[in-house]
Amino acid sequence: METAKKIVSEYEKHQNEGLYQSVMELIVSANSETFREAKSMCQALKELFREDFEKEFEEIRIKGHAEGRAEGRAEGHAGNLIENINNLINNLGISLEAACQAIGSSVERYEEAKKLLEK
């Protein structure tokens, strides 16, 4: 337990160094029971890693938000494409191929849009 405290103390000095981060992850995972037993150590580890966890969580949240927005835009574009083509087919009585050509698209793109929205 005393060794674990020393390791954490040393890590605090070098926590921004990639090698130390990797070594600490290895040590903690290999000795998880020792670190689990030390209640105060766990609290110290939480405090030590809190900033890193918060930063990583924020990065994940931002990435997820951006991916969600991109997915939403793609679905919106797909929905608009399908709606426009279907309107041409229904209102003008033309073929799928002709409707796609009229709006500068292709049947393949129309089919991809349908598949995207089926998910």
N, C-alpha and C. Protein backbone atom coordinates (compact mmCIF):
# COMPACT_ATOMS: atom_id res chain seq x y z
N MET A 1 0.83 -1.18 0.00
CA MET A 1 0.00 0.00 0.00
C MET A 1 0.87 1.25 0.00
N GLU A 2 1.94 1.21 0.75
CA GLU A 2 2.86 2.37 0.79
C GLU A 2 3.50 2.59 -0.57
N THR A 3 3.82 1.50 -1.26
CA THR A 3 4.39 1.61 -2.60
C THR A 3 3.41 2.27 -3.55
N ALA A 4 2.15 1.91 -3.42
CA ALA A 4 1.13 2.50 -4.28
C ALA A 4 1.06 4.01 -4.06
N LYS A 5 1.16 4.43 -2.80
CA LYS A 5 1.13 5.87 -2.49
C LYS A 5 2.33 6.58 -3.11
N LYS A 6 3.48 5.93 -3.06
CA LYS A 6 4.69 6.52 -3.67
C LYS A 6 4.53 6.64 -5.18
N ILE A 7 3.95 5.61 -5.77
CA ILE A 7 3.74 5.62 -7.23
C ILE A 7 2.83 6.79 -7.62
N VAL A 8 1.75 6.95 -6.88
CA VAL A 8 0.83 8.04 -7.17
C VAL A 8 1.50 9.38 -6.97
N SER A 9 2.28 9.48 -5.91
CA SER A 9 2.99 10.73 -5.63
C SER A 9 3.95 11.09 -6.76
N GLU A 10 4.67 10.10 -7.25
CA GLU A 10 5.59 10.33 -8.37
C GLU A 10 4.83 10.67 -9.64
N TYR A 11 3.72 9.99 -9.83
CA TYR A 11 2.93 10.24 -11.03
C TYR A 11 2.42 11.67 -11.07
N GLU A 12 2.05 12.20 -9.90
CA GLU A 12 1.56 13.57 -9.84
C GLU A 12 2.57 14.55 -10.44
N LYS A 13 3.84 14.27 -10.27
CA LYS A 13 4.90 15.15 -10.79
C LYS A 13 5.04 15.04 -12.30
N HIS A 14 4.64 13.91 -12.84
CA HIS A 14 4.89 13.63 -14.26
C HIS A 14 3.62 13.27 -15.03
N GLN A 15 2.45 13.65 -14.53
CA GLN A 15 1.20 13.19 -15.12
C GLN A 15 0.96 13.67 -16.55
N ASN A 16 1.67 14.68 -16.99
CA ASN A 16 1.47 15.17 -18.36
C ASN A 16 2.41 14.50 -19.37
N GLU A 17 3.21 13.57 -18.90
CA GLU A 17 4.14 12.86 -19.77
C GLU A 17 3.51 11.53 -20.20
N GLY A 18 3.47 11.33 -21.49
CA GLY A 18 2.82 10.14 -22.06
C GLY A 18 3.36 8.83 -21.52
N LEU A 19 4.67 8.74 -21.36
CA LEU A 19 5.27 7.50 -20.87
C LEU A 19 4.79 7.20 -19.45
N TYR A 20 4.77 8.22 -18.60
CA TYR A 20 4.28 8.04 -17.24
C TYR A 20 2.81 7.61 -17.24
N GLN A 21 2.02 8.20 -18.12
CA GLN A 21 0.61 7.83 -18.19
C GLN A 21 0.46 6.34 -18.54
N SER A 22 1.23 5.90 -19.53
CA SER A 22 1.17 4.50 -19.95
C SER A 22 1.60 3.56 -18.83
N VAL A 23 2.70 3.93 -18.17
CA VAL A 23 3.21 3.09 -17.08
C VAL A 23 2.21 3.04 -15.94
N MET A 24 1.61 4.18 -15.61
CA MET A 24 0.63 4.22 -14.52
C MET A 24 -0.57 3.36 -14.85
N GLU A 25 -1.05 3.41 -16.08
CA GLU A 25 -2.18 2.57 -16.47
C GLU A 25 -1.84 1.10 -16.31
N LEU A 26 -0.63 0.74 -16.70
CA LEU A 26 -0.17 -0.64 -16.59
C LEU A 26 -0.08 -1.06 -15.13
N ILE A 27 0.50 -0.22 -14.30
CA ILE A 27 0.65 -0.53 -12.88
C ILE A 27 -0.70 -0.68 -12.20
N VAL A 28 -1.59 0.26 -12.45
CA VAL A 28 -2.90 0.22 -11.80
C VAL A 28 -3.68 -1.01 -12.25
N SER A 29 -3.65 -1.31 -13.53
CA SER A 29 -4.41 -2.48 -13.99
C SER A 29 -3.81 -3.79 -13.48
N ALA A 30 -2.49 -3.85 -13.35
CA ALA A 30 -1.85 -5.06 -12.86
C ALA A 30 -2.01 -5.23 -11.36
N ASN A 31 -2.23 -4.14 -10.66
CA ASN A 31 -2.33 -4.17 -9.19
C ASN A 31 -3.66 -3.57 -8.74
N SER A 32 -4.70 -3.86 -9.47
CA SER A 32 -5.98 -3.21 -9.19
C SER A 32 -6.48 -3.48 -7.78
N GLU A 33 -6.23 -4.68 -7.26
CA GLU A 33 -6.70 -5.01 -5.91
C GLU A 33 -6.02 -4.12 -4.86
N THR A 34 -4.74 -3.89 -5.01
CA THR A 34 -4.01 -3.03 -4.08
C THR A 34 -4.58 -1.62 -4.11
N PHE A 35 -4.81 -1.11 -5.30
CA PHE A 35 -5.34 0.24 -5.42
C PHE A 35 -6.80 0.30 -4.94
N ARG A 36 -7.54 -0.78 -5.13
CA ARG A 36 -8.92 -0.82 -4.68
C ARG A 36 -9.01 -0.81 -3.16
N GLU A 37 -8.06 -1.47 -2.49
CA GLU A 37 -8.07 -1.57 -1.03
C GLU A 37 -7.77 -0.24 -0.36
N ALA A 38 -7.01 0.57 -0.98
CA ALA A 38 -6.61 1.83 -0.37
C ALA A 38 -7.67 2.89 -0.64
N LYS A 39 -8.63 3.04 0.27
CA LYS A 39 -9.73 3.98 0.06
C LYS A 39 -9.23 5.39 -0.17
N SER A 40 -8.31 5.81 0.66
CA SER A 40 -7.79 7.17 0.48
C SER A 40 -7.02 7.27 -0.82
N MET A 41 -6.40 6.16 -1.20
CA MET A 41 -5.67 6.14 -2.46
C MET A 41 -6.64 6.31 -3.62
N CYS A 42 -7.78 5.64 -3.51
CA CYS A 42 -8.77 5.75 -4.58
C CYS A 42 -9.24 7.20 -4.72
N GLN A 43 -9.46 7.83 -3.58
CA GLN A 43 -9.88 9.24 -3.62
C GLN A 43 -8.77 10.09 -4.23
N ALA A 44 -7.51 9.79 -3.84
CA ALA A 44 -6.39 10.53 -4.40
C ALA A 44 -6.29 10.30 -5.91
N LEU A 45 -6.53 9.08 -6.33
CA LEU A 45 -6.50 8.78 -7.77
C LEU A 45 -7.61 9.51 -8.49
N LYS A 46 -8.78 9.55 -7.90
CA LYS A 46 -9.89 10.28 -8.51
C LYS A 46 -9.53 11.74 -8.69
N GLU A 47 -8.99 12.31 -7.63
CA GLU A 47 -8.60 13.72 -7.71
C GLU A 47 -7.50 13.92 -8.74
N LEU A 48 -6.56 13.00 -8.74
CA LEU A 48 -5.43 13.09 -9.65
C LEU A 48 -5.88 13.01 -11.10
N PHE A 49 -6.80 12.12 -11.39
CA PHE A 49 -7.22 11.89 -12.76
C PHE A 49 -8.47 12.69 -13.15
N ARG A 50 -9.09 13.38 -12.20
CA ARG A 50 -10.35 14.07 -12.48
C ARG A 50 -10.23 15.02 -13.67
N GLU A 51 -9.19 15.82 -13.69
CA GLU A 51 -9.03 16.78 -14.78
C GLU A 51 -8.91 16.06 -16.12
N ASP A 52 -8.13 14.97 -16.12
CA ASP A 52 -7.97 14.19 -17.35
C ASP A 52 -9.30 13.58 -17.79
N PHE A 53 -10.06 13.02 -16.83
CA PHE A 53 -11.34 12.42 -17.15
C PHE A 53 -12.32 13.47 -17.67
N GLU A 54 -12.34 14.62 -17.01
CA GLU A 54 -13.24 15.68 -17.45
C GLU A 54 -12.90 16.15 -18.85
N LYS A 55 -11.61 16.29 -19.11
CA LYS A 55 -11.17 16.73 -20.44
C LYS A 55 -11.56 15.69 -21.49
N GLU A 56 -11.30 14.42 -21.19
CA GLU A 56 -11.62 13.34 -22.13
C GLU A 56 -13.14 13.25 -22.34
N PHE A 57 -13.89 13.38 -21.26
CA PHE A 57 -15.35 13.35 -21.37
C PHE A 57 -15.84 14.49 -22.26
N GLU A 58 -15.28 15.68 -22.07
CA GLU A 58 -15.70 16.83 -22.87
C GLU A 58 -15.36 16.61 -24.35
N GLU A 59 -14.19 16.04 -24.62
CA GLU A 59 -13.81 15.75 -26.01
C GLU A 59 -14.76 14.74 -26.63
N ILE A 60 -15.13 13.72 -25.87
CA ILE A 60 -16.06 12.71 -26.36
C ILE A 60 -17.43 13.33 -26.60
N ARG A 61 -17.87 14.19 -25.66
CA ARG A 61 -19.16 14.85 -25.80
C ARG A 61 -19.20 15.73 -27.04
N ILE A 62 -18.14 16.49 -27.26
CA ILE A 62 -18.08 17.37 -28.43
C ILE A 62 -18.06 16.56 -29.72
N LYS A 63 -17.27 15.48 -29.71
CA LYS A 63 -17.20 14.62 -30.90
C LYS A 63 -18.56 13.98 -31.18
N GLY A 64 -19.21 13.49 -30.13
CA GLY A 64 -20.52 12.87 -30.30
C GLY A 64 -21.55 13.87 -30.80
N HIS A 65 -21.48 15.09 -30.28
CA HIS A 65 -22.40 16.14 -30.71
C HIS A 65 -22.19 16.44 -32.20
N ALA A 66 -20.92 16.57 -32.60
CA ALA A 66 -20.61 16.86 -34.00
C ALA A 66 -21.06 15.72 -34.91
N GLU A 67 -20.81 14.48 -34.47
CA GLU A 67 -21.23 13.33 -35.27
C GLU A 67 -22.75 13.26 -35.38
N GLY A 68 -23.42 13.58 -34.28
CA GLY A 68 -24.89 13.58 -34.30
C GLY A 68 -25.44 14.63 -35.24
N ARG A 69 -24.82 15.81 -35.21
CA ARG A 69 -25.26 16.87 -36.12
C ARG A 69 -25.01 16.49 -37.57
N ALA A 70 -23.85 15.90 -37.84
CA ALA A 70 -23.53 15.49 -39.21
C ALA A 70 -24.50 14.41 -39.68
N GLU A 71 -24.80 13.48 -38.79
CA GLU A 71 -25.76 12.42 -39.14
C GLU A 71 -27.14 13.01 -39.38
N GLY A 72 -27.53 13.96 -38.57
CA GLY A 72 -28.82 14.61 -38.75
C GLY A 72 -28.91 15.35 -40.07
N ARG A 73 -27.81 16.05 -40.42
CA ARG A 73 -27.79 16.76 -41.71
C ARG A 73 -27.88 15.78 -42.86
N ALA A 74 -27.13 14.68 -42.76
CA ALA A 74 -27.16 13.67 -43.84
C ALA A 74 -28.56 13.09 -43.99
N GLU A 75 -29.21 12.81 -42.87
CA GLU A 75 -30.57 12.27 -42.93
C GLU A 75 -31.53 13.31 -43.51
N GLY A 76 -31.33 14.57 -43.13
CA GLY A 76 -32.18 15.63 -43.68
C GLY A 76 -32.02 15.77 -45.18
N HIS A 77 -30.78 15.73 -45.65
CA HIS A 77 -30.53 15.81 -47.10
C HIS A 77 -31.13 14.59 -47.81
N ALA A 78 -30.97 13.42 -47.19
CA ALA A 78 -31.52 12.21 -47.79
C ALA A 78 -33.04 12.31 -47.87
N GLY A 79 -33.65 12.78 -46.80
CA GLY A 79 -35.11 12.93 -46.79
C GLY A 79 -35.59 13.91 -47.84
N ASN A 80 -34.87 15.02 -47.98
CA ASN A 80 -35.24 16.01 -49.00
C ASN A 80 -35.10 15.44 -50.41
N LEU A 81 -34.02 14.71 -50.64
CA LEU A 81 -33.80 14.11 -51.96
C LEU A 81 -34.93 13.15 -52.30
N ILE A 82 -35.25 12.28 -51.37
CA ILE A 82 -36.32 11.31 -51.59
C ILE A 82 -37.65 12.01 -51.82
N GLU A 83 -37.94 13.00 -50.99
CA GLU A 83 -39.20 13.73 -51.12
C GLU A 83 -39.31 14.43 -52.48
N ASN A 84 -38.23 15.08 -52.90
CA ASN A 84 -38.24 15.78 -54.19
C ASN A 84 -38.43 14.82 -55.36
N ILE A 85 -37.73 13.72 -55.31
CA ILE A 85 -37.85 12.74 -56.40
C ILE A 85 -39.24 12.12 -56.41
N ASN A 86 -39.75 11.77 -55.24
CA ASN A 86 -41.09 11.18 -55.17
C ASN A 86 -42.15 12.17 -55.64
N ASN A 87 -41.98 13.45 -55.29
CA ASN A 87 -42.93 14.46 -55.76
C ASN A 87 -42.94 14.55 -57.28
N LEU A 88 -41.76 14.52 -57.89
CA LEU A 88 -41.69 14.56 -59.36
C LEU A 88 -42.38 13.34 -59.97
N ILE A 89 -42.11 12.18 -59.39
CA ILE A 89 -42.71 10.94 -59.90
C ILE A 89 -44.23 11.01 -59.79
N ASN A 90 -44.73 11.42 -58.62
CA ASN A 90 -46.18 11.44 -58.38
C ASN A 90 -46.89 12.57 -59.13
N ASN A 91 -46.30 13.75 -59.15
CA ASN A 91 -46.97 14.91 -59.75
C ASN A 91 -46.85 14.96 -61.27
N LEU A 92 -45.72 14.49 -61.78
CA LEU A 92 -45.52 14.56 -63.23
C LEU A 92 -45.69 13.21 -63.91
N GLY A 93 -45.78 12.16 -63.11
CA GLY A 93 -45.95 10.83 -63.68
C GLY A 93 -44.74 10.36 -64.47
N ILE A 94 -43.55 10.77 -64.03
CA ILE A 94 -42.34 10.35 -64.75
C ILE A 94 -41.66 9.21 -64.00
N SER A 95 -40.71 8.59 -64.66
CA SER A 95 -40.00 7.45 -64.07
C SER A 95 -39.01 7.93 -63.01
N LEU A 96 -38.58 6.99 -62.20
CA LEU A 96 -37.57 7.27 -61.18
C LEU A 96 -36.31 7.83 -61.83
N GLU A 97 -35.88 7.22 -62.92
CA GLU A 97 -34.68 7.65 -63.62
C GLU A 97 -34.82 9.10 -64.11
N ALA A 98 -35.97 9.41 -64.69
CA ALA A 98 -36.20 10.76 -65.21
C ALA A 98 -36.26 11.78 -64.07
N ALA A 99 -36.89 11.41 -62.96
CA ALA A 99 -36.98 12.31 -61.81
C ALA A 99 -35.60 12.58 -61.23
N CYS A 100 -34.79 11.54 -61.11
CA CYS A 100 -33.43 11.71 -60.60
C CYS A 100 -32.63 12.61 -61.53
N GLN A 101 -32.73 12.37 -62.80
CA GLN A 101 -32.00 13.17 -63.79
C GLN A 101 -32.46 14.63 -63.74
N ALA A 102 -33.75 14.86 -63.52
CA ALA A 102 -34.29 16.22 -63.51
C ALA A 102 -33.72 17.05 -62.36
N ILE A 103 -33.38 16.42 -61.26
CA ILE A 103 -32.83 17.20 -60.14
C ILE A 103 -31.31 17.04 -60.01
N GLY A 104 -30.71 16.41 -61.02
CA GLY A 104 -29.25 16.27 -61.03
C GLY A 104 -28.73 15.23 -60.07
N SER A 105 -29.51 14.18 -59.88
CA SER A 105 -29.09 13.10 -59.00
C SER A 105 -29.02 11.81 -59.80
N SER A 106 -28.91 10.71 -59.09
CA SER A 106 -28.90 9.41 -59.75
C SER A 106 -29.76 8.44 -58.96
N VAL A 107 -30.15 7.36 -59.62
CA VAL A 107 -30.94 6.32 -58.96
C VAL A 107 -30.14 5.73 -57.81
N GLU A 108 -28.83 5.58 -58.00
CA GLU A 108 -27.98 5.03 -56.95
C GLU A 108 -28.00 5.92 -55.70
N ARG A 109 -27.94 7.22 -55.92
CA ARG A 109 -27.97 8.15 -54.79
C ARG A 109 -29.33 8.10 -54.09
N TYR A 110 -30.38 7.98 -54.86
CA TYR A 110 -31.73 7.84 -54.30
C TYR A 110 -31.81 6.59 -53.44
N GLU A 111 -31.30 5.48 -53.94
CA GLU A 111 -31.32 4.20 -53.19
C GLU A 111 -30.47 4.32 -51.92
N GLU A 112 -29.32 4.97 -52.01
CA GLU A 112 -28.47 5.16 -50.83
C GLU A 112 -29.19 6.00 -49.78
N ALA A 113 -29.91 7.02 -50.23
CA ALA A 113 -30.67 7.87 -49.31
C ALA A 113 -31.75 7.06 -48.61
N LYS A 114 -32.42 6.20 -49.34
CA LYS A 114 -33.45 5.35 -48.74
C LYS A 114 -32.83 4.42 -47.70
N LYS A 115 -31.69 3.83 -48.01
CA LYS A 115 -31.03 2.92 -47.07
C LYS A 115 -30.61 3.67 -45.80
N LEU A 116 -30.12 4.89 -45.97
CA LEU A 116 -29.70 5.70 -44.84
C LEU A 116 -30.86 5.94 -43.88
N LEU A 117 -32.02 6.22 -44.45
CA LEU A 117 -33.18 6.52 -43.62
C LEU A 117 -33.82 5.28 -43.02
N GLU A 118 -33.52 4.11 -43.58
CA GLU A 118 -34.07 2.86 -43.05
C GLU A 118 -33.38 2.42 -41.78
N LYS A 119 -32.21 2.96 -41.50
CA LYS A 119 -31.44 2.54 -40.31
C LYS A 119 -32.12 2.90 -39.03
